[in-house]
Amino acid sequence: MIMIELKFSTSTSGLAGFDLGKETYEQQIESKYENYNEKLTLKFPDYVERVASSFVQGLFSELVNNIGYSGVKENVIIESKSEKLKNTIWDRLY
């Protein structure tokens, strides 16, 4: 299993924008997650409280293209300080 603690500016409480999501994937995930059959845990910082659907779609676009929505749901684990944020991320992916 691969664990990646995502990093953003500590002054950021909300994440929005497809481009920011895609950039986050490219800079923080892509080089560390090459075997798509392996489990991946993405840990969001405690100071992130909100995510827009555009960010979520950008963050997962490469993975969805490679393994599909079902592959993402099966292999990716989201960790955050709140269950609400975790559920929001999954809801906004589909």
C-alpha atoms as a PDB file:
ATOM      1  CA  MET A   1       0.000   0.000   0.000  1.00  0.00           C
ATOM      2  CA  ILE A   2       1.154   3.491  -0.807  1.00  0.00           C
ATOM      3  CA  MET A   3       0.338   6.372   1.571  1.00  0.00           C
ATOM      4  CA  ILE A   4       0.566   9.931   0.297  1.00  0.00           C
ATOM      5  CA  GLU A   5      -0.015  12.906   2.572  1.00  0.00           C
ATOM      6  CA  LEU A   6      -1.207  15.651   0.268  1.00  0.00           C
ATOM      7  CA  LYS A   7       0.282  19.074   0.889  1.00  0.00           C
ATOM      8  CA  PHE A   8      -1.292  22.452   0.246  1.00  0.00           C
ATOM      9  CA  SER A   9      -0.759  25.943   1.590  1.00  0.00           C
ATOM     10  CA  THR A  10      -1.808  25.997   5.252  1.00  0.00           C
ATOM     11  CA  SER A  11      -3.917  29.060   4.517  1.00  0.00           C
ATOM     12  CA  THR A  12      -6.064  26.912   2.205  1.00  0.00           C
ATOM     13  CA  SER A  13      -9.283  25.551   3.670  1.00  0.00           C
ATOM     14  CA  GLY A  14     -10.971  24.824   0.346  1.00  0.00           C
ATOM     15  CA  LEU A  15      -9.741  23.272  -2.888  1.00  0.00           C
ATOM     16  CA  ALA A  16     -11.254  24.141  -6.268  1.00  0.00           C
ATOM     17  CA  GLY A  17     -10.394  23.955  -9.928  1.00  0.00           C
ATOM     18  CA  PHE A  18      -9.757  21.102 -12.345  1.00  0.00           C
ATOM     19  CA  ASP A  19      -6.272  22.461 -13.071  1.00  0.00           C
ATOM     20  CA  LEU A  20      -5.317  22.496  -9.372  1.00  0.00           C
ATOM     21  CA  GLY A  21      -6.565  18.921  -9.004  1.00  0.00           C
ATOM     22  CA  LYS A  22      -4.620  17.757 -12.057  1.00  0.00           C
ATOM     23  CA  GLU A  23      -1.501  19.621 -10.912  1.00  0.00           C
ATOM     24  CA  THR A  24      -1.792  18.030  -7.466  1.00  0.00           C
ATOM     25  CA  TYR A  25      -1.964  14.595  -9.067  1.00  0.00           C
ATOM     26  CA  GLU A  26       1.008  15.281 -11.332  1.00  0.00           C
ATOM     27  CA  GLN A  27       3.210  16.766  -8.606  1.00  0.00           C
ATOM     28  CA  GLN A  28       2.303  14.679  -5.572  1.00  0.00           C
ATOM     29  CA  ILE A  29       0.872  11.348  -6.745  1.00  0.00           C
ATOM     30  CA  GLU A  30       1.872  10.373 -10.286  1.00  0.00           C
ATOM     31  CA  SER A  31       5.526   9.460  -9.676  1.00  0.00           C
ATOM     32  CA  LYS A  32       4.709   7.541  -6.479  1.00  0.00           C
ATOM     33  CA  TYR A  33       1.770   5.525  -7.784  1.00  0.00           C
ATOM     34  CA  GLU A  34       2.721   3.556 -10.859  1.00  0.00           C
ATOM     35  CA  ASN A  35       1.156   0.148 -10.127  1.00  0.00           C
ATOM     36  CA  TYR A  36      -2.572   0.769 -10.431  1.00  0.00           C
ATOM     37  CA  ASN A  37      -3.395  -2.586  -8.815  1.00  0.00           C
ATOM     38  CA  GLU A  38      -1.818  -1.459  -5.556  1.00  0.00           C
ATOM     39  CA  LYS A  39      -3.877   0.236  -2.845  1.00  0.00           C
ATOM     40  CA  LEU A  40      -3.369   3.992  -2.557  1.00  0.00           C
ATOM     41  CA  THR A  41      -4.213   6.041   0.524  1.00  0.00           C
ATOM     42  CA  LEU A  42      -4.563   9.787   0.026  1.00  0.00           C
ATOM     43  CA  LYS A  43      -4.486  11.741   3.279  1.00  0.00           C
ATOM     44  CA  PHE A  44      -5.906  15.244   3.126  1.00  0.00           C
ATOM     45  CA  PRO A  45      -4.499  17.758   5.640  1.00  0.00           C
ATOM     46  CA  ASP A  46      -6.684  18.622   8.632  1.00  0.00           C
ATOM     47  CA  TYR A  47      -6.965  22.261   7.523  1.00  0.00           C
ATOM     48  CA  VAL A  48      -8.748  21.299   4.274  1.00  0.00           C
ATOM     49  CA  GLU A  49     -12.466  21.514   4.960  1.00  0.00           C
ATOM     50  CA  ARG A  50     -14.026  21.792   1.490  1.00  0.00           C
ATOM     51  CA  VAL A  51     -13.415  20.474  -2.009  1.00  0.00           C
ATOM     52  CA  ALA A  52     -15.148  21.444  -5.227  1.00  0.00           C
ATOM     53  CA  SER A  53     -16.157  18.837  -7.769  1.00  0.00           C
ATOM     54  CA  SER A  54     -13.782  20.454 -10.274  1.00  0.00           C
ATOM     55  CA  PHE A  55     -10.800  19.763  -7.996  1.00  0.00           C
ATOM     56  CA  VAL A  56     -11.852  16.160  -7.347  1.00  0.00           C
ATOM     57  CA  GLN A  57     -12.376  15.489 -11.056  1.00  0.00           C
ATOM     58  CA  GLY A  58      -8.960  16.949 -11.893  1.00  0.00           C
ATOM     59  CA  LEU A  59      -7.254  15.005  -9.104  1.00  0.00           C
ATOM     60  CA  PHE A  60      -8.677  11.674 -10.259  1.00  0.00           C
ATOM     61  CA  SER A  61      -8.878  12.241 -14.041  1.00  0.00           C
ATOM     62  CA  GLU A  62      -5.676  10.327 -14.851  1.00  0.00           C
ATOM     63  CA  LEU A  63      -6.624   7.414 -12.612  1.00  0.00           C
ATOM     64  CA  VAL A  64     -10.147   7.244 -14.061  1.00  0.00           C
ATOM     65  CA  ASN A  65      -8.652   7.190 -17.576  1.00  0.00           C
ATOM     66  CA  ASN A  66      -6.355   4.300 -16.624  1.00  0.00           C
ATOM     67  CA  ILE A  67      -8.434   2.123 -14.296  1.00  0.00           C
ATOM     68  CA  GLY A  68     -11.973   3.487 -14.498  1.00  0.00           C
ATOM     69  CA  TYR A  69     -14.269   4.647 -11.734  1.00  0.00           C
ATOM     70  CA  SER A  70     -14.615   1.149 -10.298  1.00  0.00           C
ATOM     71  CA  GLY A  71     -10.823   0.753 -10.162  1.00  0.00           C
ATOM     72  CA  VAL A  72     -10.501   4.056  -8.324  1.00  0.00           C
ATOM     73  CA  LYS A  73     -13.219   3.119  -5.840  1.00  0.00           C
ATOM     74  CA  GLU A  74     -11.624  -0.296  -5.299  1.00  0.00           C
ATOM     75  CA  ASN A  75      -7.999   0.836  -4.911  1.00  0.00           C
ATOM     76  CA  VAL A  76      -8.071   4.357  -3.450  1.00  0.00           C
ATOM     77  CA  ILE A  77      -8.648   5.117   0.215  1.00  0.00           C
ATOM     78  CA  ILE A  78      -9.358   8.697   1.289  1.00  0.00           C
ATOM     79  CA  GLU A  79      -8.366   9.853   4.764  1.00  0.00           C
ATOM     80  CA  SER A  80      -9.421  13.194   6.211  1.00  0.00           C
ATOM     81  CA  LYS A  81     -10.257  14.682   9.590  1.00  0.00           C
ATOM     82  CA  SER A  82     -13.961  14.459   8.866  1.00  0.00           C
ATOM     83  CA  GLU A  83     -16.150  11.750   7.445  1.00  0.00           C
ATOM     84  CA  LYS A  84     -18.155  14.498   5.734  1.00  0.00           C
ATOM     85  CA  LEU A  85     -15.157  15.638   3.672  1.00  0.00           C
ATOM     86  CA  LYS A  86     -14.321  12.054   2.764  1.00  0.00           C
ATOM     87  CA  ASN A  87     -17.895  11.432   1.583  1.00  0.00           C
ATOM     88  CA  THR A  88     -17.941  14.731  -0.312  1.00  0.00           C
ATOM     89  CA  ILE A  89     -14.820  13.742  -2.238  1.00  0.00           C
ATOM     90  CA  TRP A  90     -16.395  10.426  -3.294  1.00  0.00           C
ATOM     91  CA  ASP A  91     -19.727  12.064  -4.147  1.00  0.00           C
ATOM     92  CA  ARG A  92     -18.031  14.646  -6.344  1.00  0.00           C
ATOM     93  CA  LEU A  93     -16.037  12.083  -8.252  1.00  0.00           C
ATOM     94  CA  TYR A  94     -19.155  10.429  -9.728  1.00  0.00           C
END
